[in-house]
C-alpha atoms as a PDB file:
ATOM      1  CA  MET A   1       0.000   0.000   0.000  1.00  0.00           C
ATOM      2  CA  ILE A   2       2.800   2.405   0.952  1.00  0.00           C
ATOM      3  CA  LYS A   3       4.614   1.592  -2.283  1.00  0.00           C
ATOM      4  CA  ASN A   4       1.468   2.380  -4.288  1.00  0.00           C
ATOM      5  CA  VAL A   5       1.002   5.709  -2.526  1.00  0.00           C
ATOM      6  CA  LEU A   6       4.633   6.680  -3.084  1.00  0.00           C
ATOM      7  CA  ALA A   7       4.403   5.673  -6.737  1.00  0.00           C
ATOM      8  CA  LEU A   8       1.290   7.829  -7.261  1.00  0.00           C
ATOM      9  CA  LEU A   9       2.876  10.776  -5.477  1.00  0.00           C
ATOM     10  CA  SER A  10       5.933  10.447  -7.705  1.00  0.00           C
ATOM     11  CA  LEU A  11       3.724  10.221 -10.783  1.00  0.00           C
ATOM     12  CA  PHE A  12       1.746  13.323  -9.805  1.00  0.00           C
ATOM     13  CA  ALA A  13       4.962  15.251  -9.219  1.00  0.00           C
ATOM     14  CA  SER A  14       6.187  14.267 -12.666  1.00  0.00           C
ATOM     15  CA  LEU A  15       2.894  15.399 -14.215  1.00  0.00           C
ATOM     16  CA  GLN A  16       3.302  18.826 -12.627  1.00  0.00           C
ATOM     17  CA  VAL A  17       6.757  19.062 -14.168  1.00  0.00           C
ATOM     18  CA  GLN A  18       5.337  17.970 -17.516  1.00  0.00           C
ATOM     19  CA  ALA A  19       2.637  20.649 -17.284  1.00  0.00           C
ATOM     20  CA  GLN A  20       5.362  23.228 -16.751  1.00  0.00           C
ATOM     21  CA  ASN A  21       7.232  21.865 -19.748  1.00  0.00           C
ATOM     22  CA  ILE A  22       4.238  22.604 -21.979  1.00  0.00           C
ATOM     23  CA  ASP A  23       5.116  26.289 -21.722  1.00  0.00           C
ATOM     24  CA  ARG A  24       8.610  25.591 -23.039  1.00  0.00           C
ATOM     25  CA  ALA A  25       7.737  23.040 -25.712  1.00  0.00           C
ATOM     26  CA  ASP A  26       6.932  25.481 -28.505  1.00  0.00           C
ATOM     27  CA  SER A  27      10.178  27.420 -28.071  1.00  0.00           C
ATOM     28  CA  GLN A  28      12.540  24.426 -28.236  1.00  0.00           C
ATOM     29  CA  GLU A  29      14.385  23.722 -31.456  1.00  0.00           C
ATOM     30  CA  PRO A  30      14.363  20.112 -32.729  1.00  0.00           C
ATOM     31  CA  ASN A  31      17.541  18.121 -32.244  1.00  0.00           C
ATOM     32  CA  GLY A  32      19.518  16.518 -35.043  1.00  0.00           C
ATOM     33  CA  GLY A  33      18.458  13.135 -36.384  1.00  0.00           C
ATOM     34  CA  ASN A  34      14.833  13.778 -37.224  1.00  0.00           C
ATOM     35  CA  ALA A  35      14.268  10.199 -38.405  1.00  0.00           C
ATOM     36  CA  ILE A  36      15.209   8.826 -34.977  1.00  0.00           C
ATOM     37  CA  THR A  37      12.990  11.378 -33.189  1.00  0.00           C
ATOM     38  CA  ILE A  38       9.985  10.501 -35.355  1.00  0.00           C
ATOM     39  CA  SER A  39      10.551   6.786 -34.826  1.00  0.00           C
ATOM     40  CA  ILE A  40      10.665   7.129 -31.048  1.00  0.00           C
ATOM     41  CA  SER A  41       7.578   9.358 -31.094  1.00  0.00           C
ATOM     42  CA  LYS A  42       5.576   6.736 -32.964  1.00  0.00           C
ATOM     43  CA  PHE A  43       6.482   4.084 -30.422  1.00  0.00           C
ATOM     44  CA  ASP A  44       5.625   6.419 -27.554  1.00  0.00           C
ATOM     45  CA  LEU A  45       2.235   7.185 -29.080  1.00  0.00           C
ATOM     46  CA  VAL A  46       1.483   3.486 -29.581  1.00  0.00           C
ATOM     47  CA  ASP A  47       2.507   2.785 -25.982  1.00  0.00           C
ATOM     48  CA  GLY A  48       0.325   5.638 -24.781  1.00  0.00           C
ATOM     49  CA  ASN A  49      -2.692   4.317 -26.672  1.00  0.00           C
ATOM     50  CA  SER A  50      -2.054   0.810 -25.355  1.00  0.00           C
ATOM     51  CA  PHE A  51      -1.861   2.033 -21.749  1.00  0.00           C
ATOM     52  CA  PHE A  52      -4.985   4.151 -22.218  1.00  0.00           C
ATOM     53  CA  ASP A  53      -7.041   1.286 -23.718  1.00  0.00           C
ATOM     54  CA  GLU A  54      -5.973  -1.117 -20.986  1.00  0.00           C
ATOM     55  CA  ALA A  55      -6.790   1.485 -18.345  1.00  0.00           C
ATOM     56  CA  GLN A  56     -10.284   1.925 -19.762  1.00  0.00           C
ATOM     57  CA  ASP A  57     -10.875  -1.825 -19.562  1.00  0.00           C
ATOM     58  CA  LEU A  58      -9.784  -1.819 -15.925  1.00  0.00           C
ATOM     59  CA  GLU A  59     -12.007   1.178 -15.233  1.00  0.00           C
ATOM     60  CA  LYS A  60     -15.026  -0.703 -16.587  1.00  0.00           C
ATOM     61  CA  LYS A  61     -14.195  -3.581 -14.236  1.00  0.00           C
ATOM     62  CA  GLY A  62     -14.015  -1.213 -11.275  1.00  0.00           C
ATOM     63  CA  ASP A  63     -10.266  -1.615 -10.729  1.00  0.00           C
ATOM     64  CA  PHE A  64      -9.680   2.113 -10.291  1.00  0.00           C
ATOM     65  CA  ASN A  65      -6.256   1.857  -8.648  1.00  0.00           C
ATOM     66  CA  GLU A  66      -4.698  -0.058 -11.528  1.00  0.00           C
ATOM     67  CA  ALA A  67      -6.560   2.090 -14.042  1.00  0.00           C
ATOM     68  CA  LEU A  68      -5.120   5.190 -12.381  1.00  0.00           C
ATOM     69  CA  THR A  69      -1.581   3.867 -12.765  1.00  0.00           C
ATOM     70  CA  LEU A  70      -2.054   3.065 -16.455  1.00  0.00           C
ATOM     71  CA  PHE A  71      -3.765   6.378 -17.234  1.00  0.00           C
ATOM     72  CA  GLY A  72      -0.725   8.004 -15.633  1.00  0.00           C
ATOM     73  CA  LYS A  73       1.607   6.027 -17.878  1.00  0.00           C
ATOM     74  CA  ALA A  74      -0.473   6.995 -20.905  1.00  0.00           C
ATOM     75  CA  ALA A  75      -0.249  10.663 -19.880  1.00  0.00           C
ATOM     76  CA  PHE A  76       3.535  10.346 -19.627  1.00  0.00           C
ATOM     77  CA  GLU A  77       3.800   8.895 -23.146  1.00  0.00           C
ATOM     78  CA  TYR A  78       1.439  11.463 -24.680  1.00  0.00           C
ATOM     79  CA  ASN A  79       3.404  14.271 -23.092  1.00  0.00           C
ATOM     80  CA  ALA A  80       6.624  12.803 -24.484  1.00  0.00           C
ATOM     81  CA  VAL A  81       5.291  13.141 -28.050  1.00  0.00           C
ATOM     82  CA  LYS A  82       3.728  16.530 -27.279  1.00  0.00           C
ATOM     83  CA  ASN A  83       0.214  15.291 -28.073  1.00  0.00           C
ATOM     84  CA  TYR A  84      -1.447  17.540 -25.531  1.00  0.00           C
ATOM     85  CA  ASN A  85      -5.018  16.718 -26.559  1.00  0.00           C
ATOM     86  CA  LEU A  86      -4.524  13.041 -25.679  1.00  0.00           C
ATOM     87  CA  TYR A  87      -2.429  14.097 -22.687  1.00  0.00           C
ATOM     88  CA  GLY A  88      -5.394  16.137 -21.452  1.00  0.00           C
ATOM     89  CA  GLN A  89      -7.760  13.181 -21.849  1.00  0.00           C
ATOM     90  CA  ALA A  90      -5.450  10.946 -19.817  1.00  0.00           C
ATOM     91  CA  ILE A  91      -5.121  13.614 -17.107  1.00  0.00           C
ATOM     92  CA  ILE A  92      -8.896  13.944 -16.854  1.00  0.00           C
ATOM     93  CA  LYS A  93      -9.163  10.180 -16.514  1.00  0.00           C
ATOM     94  CA  MET A  94      -6.598  10.223 -13.710  1.00  0.00           C
ATOM     95  CA  SER A  95      -8.671  12.793 -11.870  1.00  0.00           C
ATOM     96  CA  ASN A  96     -11.806  10.689 -12.386  1.00  0.00           C
ATOM     97  CA  MET A  97     -10.078   7.637 -10.906  1.00  0.00           C
ATOM     98  CA  HIS A  98      -9.130   9.627  -7.805  1.00  0.00           C
ATOM     99  CA  TYR A  99     -12.753  10.783  -7.607  1.00  0.00           C
ATOM    100  CA  MET A 100     -14.058   7.211  -7.819  1.00  0.00           C
ATOM    101  CA  LEU A 101     -11.630   6.214  -5.057  1.00  0.00           C
ATOM    102  CA  GLY A 102     -12.891   9.032  -2.837  1.00  0.00           C
ATOM    103  CA  ARG A 103      -9.636  10.978  -3.062  1.00  0.00           C
ATOM    104  CA  PHE A 104     -11.304  14.286  -3.793  1.00  0.00           C
ATOM    105  CA  THR A 105      -8.344  16.498  -2.905  1.00  0.00           C
ATOM    106  CA  ASP A 106      -6.086  14.549  -5.291  1.00  0.00           C
ATOM    107  CA  ALA A 107      -8.703  14.811  -8.036  1.00  0.00           C
ATOM    108  CA  GLU A 108      -8.983  18.544  -7.392  1.00  0.00           C
ATOM    109  CA  GLN A 109      -5.225  19.119  -7.539  1.00  0.00           C
ATOM    110  CA  ILE A 110      -4.794  17.317 -10.857  1.00  0.00           C
ATOM    111  CA  LEU A 111      -7.602  19.331 -12.425  1.00  0.00           C
ATOM    112  CA  LEU A 112      -6.375  22.652 -11.053  1.00  0.00           C
ATOM    113  CA  ASN A 113      -2.628  22.244 -11.503  1.00  0.00           C
ATOM    114  CA  VAL A 114      -2.397  20.133 -14.640  1.00  0.00           C
ATOM    115  CA  ALA A 115      -5.641  19.937 -16.659  1.00  0.00           C
ATOM    116  CA  LEU A 116      -6.519  23.651 -16.555  1.00  0.00           C
ATOM    117  CA  LYS A 117      -2.946  24.617 -17.430  1.00  0.00           C
ATOM    118  CA  ASN A 118      -2.908  22.194 -20.340  1.00  0.00           C
ATOM    119  CA  TYR A 119      -6.194  23.386 -21.859  1.00  0.00           C
ATOM    120  CA  SER A 120      -5.306  27.030 -21.286  1.00  0.00           C
ATOM    121  CA  LYS A 121      -2.079  26.498 -23.203  1.00  0.00           C
ATOM    122  CA  LEU A 122      -3.969  24.773 -26.013  1.00  0.00           C
ATOM    123  CA  GLY A 123      -6.608  27.514 -26.065  1.00  0.00           C
ATOM    124  CA  SER A 124      -9.250  24.802 -25.807  1.00  0.00           C
ATOM    125  CA  ARG A 125     -12.447  26.362 -24.493  1.00  0.00           C
ATOM    126  CA  SER A 126     -14.253  23.015 -24.645  1.00  0.00           C
ATOM    127  CA  GLY A 127     -11.479  21.439 -22.565  1.00  0.00           C
ATOM    128  CA  LEU A 128     -11.715  24.251 -20.029  1.00  0.00           C
ATOM    129  CA  MET A 129     -15.507  23.964 -19.962  1.00  0.00           C
ATOM    130  CA  ASN A 130     -15.392  20.237 -19.212  1.00  0.00           C
ATOM    131  CA  THR A 131     -12.702  20.719 -16.565  1.00  0.00           C
ATOM    132  CA  TYR A 132     -14.771  23.425 -14.869  1.00  0.00           C
ATOM    133  CA  GLY A 133     -17.685  20.993 -14.694  1.00  0.00           C
ATOM    134  CA  LEU A 134     -15.503  18.278 -13.194  1.00  0.00           C
ATOM    135  CA  LEU A 135     -14.130  20.718 -10.628  1.00  0.00           C
ATOM    136  CA  GLY A 136     -17.696  21.627  -9.700  1.00  0.00           C
ATOM    137  CA  LYS A 137     -18.440  17.948  -9.105  1.00  0.00           C
ATOM    138  CA  VAL A 138     -15.237  17.316  -7.137  1.00  0.00           C
ATOM    139  CA  TYR A 139     -15.670  20.373  -4.910  1.00  0.00           C
ATOM    140  CA  LEU A 140     -19.286  19.402  -4.235  1.00  0.00           C
ATOM    141  CA  ALA A 141     -18.223  15.919  -3.165  1.00  0.00           C
ATOM    142  CA  ASN A 142     -15.552  17.484  -0.950  1.00  0.00           C
ATOM    143  CA  ASN A 143     -18.146  19.731   0.756  1.00  0.00           C
ATOM    144  CA  LYS A 144     -16.770  22.950  -0.741  1.00  0.00           C
ATOM    145  CA  SER A 145     -20.030  24.469  -1.912  1.00  0.00           C
ATOM    146  CA  THR A 146     -18.750  27.968  -2.711  1.00  0.00           C
ATOM    147  CA  GLN A 147     -15.994  26.691  -5.006  1.00  0.00           C
ATOM    148  CA  SER A 148     -18.358  24.159  -6.562  1.00  0.00           C
ATOM    149  CA  MET A 149     -20.892  26.852  -7.378  1.00  0.00           C
ATOM    150  CA  TRP A 150     -18.213  29.047  -8.967  1.00  0.00           C
ATOM    151  CA  PHE A 151     -16.902  26.333 -11.266  1.00  0.00           C
ATOM    152  CA  TYR A 152     -20.372  25.157 -12.314  1.00  0.00           C
ATOM    153  CA  THR A 153     -21.160  28.782 -13.152  1.00  0.00           C
ATOM    154  CA  GLN A 154     -17.990  29.059 -15.254  1.00  0.00           C
ATOM    155  CA  GLN A 155     -18.936  25.866 -17.048  1.00  0.00           C
ATOM    156  CA  GLY A 156     -22.356  27.297 -17.859  1.00  0.00           C
ATOM    157  CA  MET A 157     -20.910  30.551 -19.185  1.00  0.00           C
ATOM    158  CA  LEU A 158     -18.550  28.738 -21.555  1.00  0.00           C
ATOM    159  CA  ALA A 159     -21.302  26.321 -22.562  1.00  0.00           C
ATOM    160  CA  LYS A 160     -23.441  29.273 -23.649  1.00  0.00           C
ATOM    161  CA  GLN A 161     -20.576  30.696 -25.699  1.00  0.00           C
ATOM    162  CA  LEU A 162     -19.903  27.329 -27.330  1.00  0.00           C
ATOM    163  CA  LYS A 163     -23.621  26.577 -27.741  1.00  0.00           C
ATOM    164  CA  SER A 164     -23.133  23.292 -25.894  1.00  0.00           C
ATOM    165  CA  ASN A 165     -26.631  22.495 -24.678  1.00  0.00           C
ATOM    166  CA  ASN A 166     -25.649  19.376 -22.765  1.00  0.00           C
ATOM    167  CA  SER A 167     -22.888  21.129 -20.828  1.00  0.00           C
ATOM    168  CA  TYR A 168     -25.143  24.097 -20.104  1.00  0.00           C
ATOM    169  CA  LEU A 169     -27.800  21.772 -18.715  1.00  0.00           C
ATOM    170  CA  GLU A 170     -25.202  19.907 -16.673  1.00  0.00           C
ATOM    171  CA  SER A 171     -24.030  23.184 -15.159  1.00  0.00           C
ATOM    172  CA  ILE A 172     -27.586  24.076 -14.078  1.00  0.00           C
ATOM    173  CA  LEU A 173     -28.127  20.630 -12.577  1.00  0.00           C
ATOM    174  CA  GLY A 174     -24.784  20.930 -10.783  1.00  0.00           C
ATOM    175  CA  ILE A 175     -25.854  24.244  -9.285  1.00  0.00           C
ATOM    176  CA  VAL A 176     -29.116  22.609  -8.210  1.00  0.00           C
ATOM    177  CA  GLN A 177     -27.132  19.988  -6.289  1.00  0.00           C
ATOM    178  CA  VAL A 178     -25.049  22.686  -4.618  1.00  0.00           C
ATOM    179  CA  LYS A 179     -28.181  24.530  -3.484  1.00  0.00           C
ATOM    180  CA  ILE A 180     -29.718  21.308  -2.196  1.00  0.00           C
ATOM    181  CA  LYS A 181     -26.584  20.680  -0.159  1.00  0.00           C
ATOM    182  CA  LYS A 182     -26.800  24.231   1.209  1.00  0.00           C
ATOM    183  CA  LYS A 183     -30.497  23.585   1.996  1.00  0.00           C
ATOM    184  CA  ASP A 184     -31.570  26.415  -0.309  1.00  0.00           C
ATOM    185  CA  PHE A 185     -34.502  24.310  -1.494  1.00  0.00           C
ATOM    186  CA  THR A 186     -36.578  27.166  -2.908  1.00  0.00           C
ATOM    187  CA  LEU A 187     -33.719  28.353  -5.098  1.00  0.00           C
ATOM    188  CA  ALA A 188     -32.822  24.774  -6.008  1.00  0.00           C
ATOM    189  CA  LEU A 189     -36.383  24.126  -7.183  1.00  0.00           C
ATOM    190  CA  ARG A 190     -36.370  27.323  -9.233  1.00  0.00           C
ATOM    191  CA  ASP A 191     -33.168  26.278 -10.998  1.00  0.00           C
ATOM    192  CA  LEU A 192     -34.501  22.772 -11.481  1.00  0.00           C
ATOM    193  CA  LYS A 193     -37.548  24.176 -13.281  1.00  0.00           C
ATOM    194  CA  THR A 194     -35.204  26.200 -15.467  1.00  0.00           C
ATOM    195  CA  ALA A 195     -33.245  23.036 -16.278  1.00  0.00           C
ATOM    196  CA  GLU A 196     -36.424  21.139 -17.124  1.00  0.00           C
ATOM    197  CA  TRP A 197     -37.718  23.955 -19.329  1.00  0.00           C
ATOM    198  CA  PHE A 198     -34.382  24.200 -21.145  1.00  0.00           C
ATOM    199  CA  ALA A 199     -34.147  20.423 -21.650  1.00  0.00           C
ATOM    200  CA  ASN A 200     -37.632  20.389 -23.169  1.00  0.00           C
ATOM    201  CA  SER A 201     -36.922  23.415 -25.379  1.00  0.00           C
ATOM    202  CA  VAL A 202     -33.825  21.822 -26.947  1.00  0.00           C
ATOM    203  CA  LYS A 203     -35.317  18.314 -26.883  1.00  0.00           C
ATOM    204  CA  ILE A 204     -32.726  16.711 -24.583  1.00  0.00           C
ATOM    205  CA  THR A 205     -34.163  13.684 -22.774  1.00  0.00           C
ATOM    206  CA  GLN A 206     -31.095  12.026 -21.204  1.00  0.00           C
ATOM    207  CA  TYR A 207     -31.284  14.116 -18.021  1.00  0.00           C
ATOM    208  CA  LYS A 208     -34.894  13.275 -17.161  1.00  0.00           C
ATOM    209  CA  GLY A 209     -33.786  10.840 -14.464  1.00  0.00           C
ATOM    210  CA  GLN A 210     -31.514  13.415 -12.796  1.00  0.00           C
ATOM    211  CA  ILE A 211     -34.245  16.036 -12.873  1.00  0.00           C
ATOM    212  CA  ARG A 212     -36.778  13.610 -11.399  1.00  0.00           C
ATOM    213  CA  ASP A 213     -34.373  12.487  -8.667  1.00  0.00           C
ATOM    214  CA  ALA A 214     -33.513  16.073  -7.728  1.00  0.00           C
ATOM    215  CA  ARG A 215     -37.199  16.972  -7.527  1.00  0.00           C
ATOM    216  CA  GLU A 216     -37.843  14.009  -5.227  1.00  0.00           C
ATOM    217  CA  VAL A 217     -34.958  15.003  -2.956  1.00  0.00           C
ATOM    218  CA  ILE A 218     -36.248  18.570  -2.713  1.00  0.00           C
ATOM    219  CA  SER A 219     -39.784  17.341  -2.064  1.00  0.00           C
ATOM    220  CA  ASN A 220     -38.647  14.935   0.661  1.00  0.00           C
ATOM    221  CA  LYS A 221     -36.444  17.556   2.323  1.00  0.00           C
ATOM    222  CA  THR A 222     -39.121  20.238   2.315  1.00  0.00           C
ATOM    223  CA  THR A 223     -41.833  17.814   3.450  1.00  0.00           C
ATOM    224  CA  SER A 224     -39.775  16.542   6.372  1.00  0.00           C
ATOM    225  CA  LYS A 225     -38.839  20.125   7.266  1.00  0.00           C
ATOM    226  CA  THR A 226     -42.522  21.133   7.307  1.00  0.00           C
ATOM    227  CA  GLY A 227     -43.495  18.057   9.293  1.00  0.00           C
ATOM    228  CA  SER A 228     -40.917  18.731  11.986  1.00  0.00           C
ATOM    229  CA  LYS A 229     -42.351  22.153  12.806  1.00  0.00           C
END
């Protein structure tokens, strides 16, 4: 167990260094022997894809610890070939594995210190939008309602700009969960109605279950509150 923890700490430290190296990557001149560099890059990319695919299989089986290790290896390989889009995907997966393992602070740190920096460097607004949403979820799970609300709001603002209806709806539903946790049931219900109206207006049906569940939670909380008076 101690070895695993030390290995993950070492891996996270290396990812922070890699994130810093993104800033320098564009300014570095290529070394001599381009054929050798290209050959190594191809192998690194293949290794990265192999690690990533294996990690996804482990994730589906619920083996989040092993999946985390392999997503980390994939991130290392993608960074080596400067494929920062795939690198970002692997980083997000690492954060998700920490989340599934209940390590919310670790998930938060990877998103804040590595993922946001990566997508900012790339100028990827969709990457930033998705990371904001994940940070909202992580902060909510870690009982940091103020931070959660802020990041869900940022997600919604970018979703509007990018005309991403699903992400916009997810941001509203995230804010609903924050307000439920804060026991602001009246405001939560108002936002939930907004989410339901928006989902119907753009004909999105996949969030019906979440909307129904949130409404039931609000109803149960308000009913029990009334009954206790």
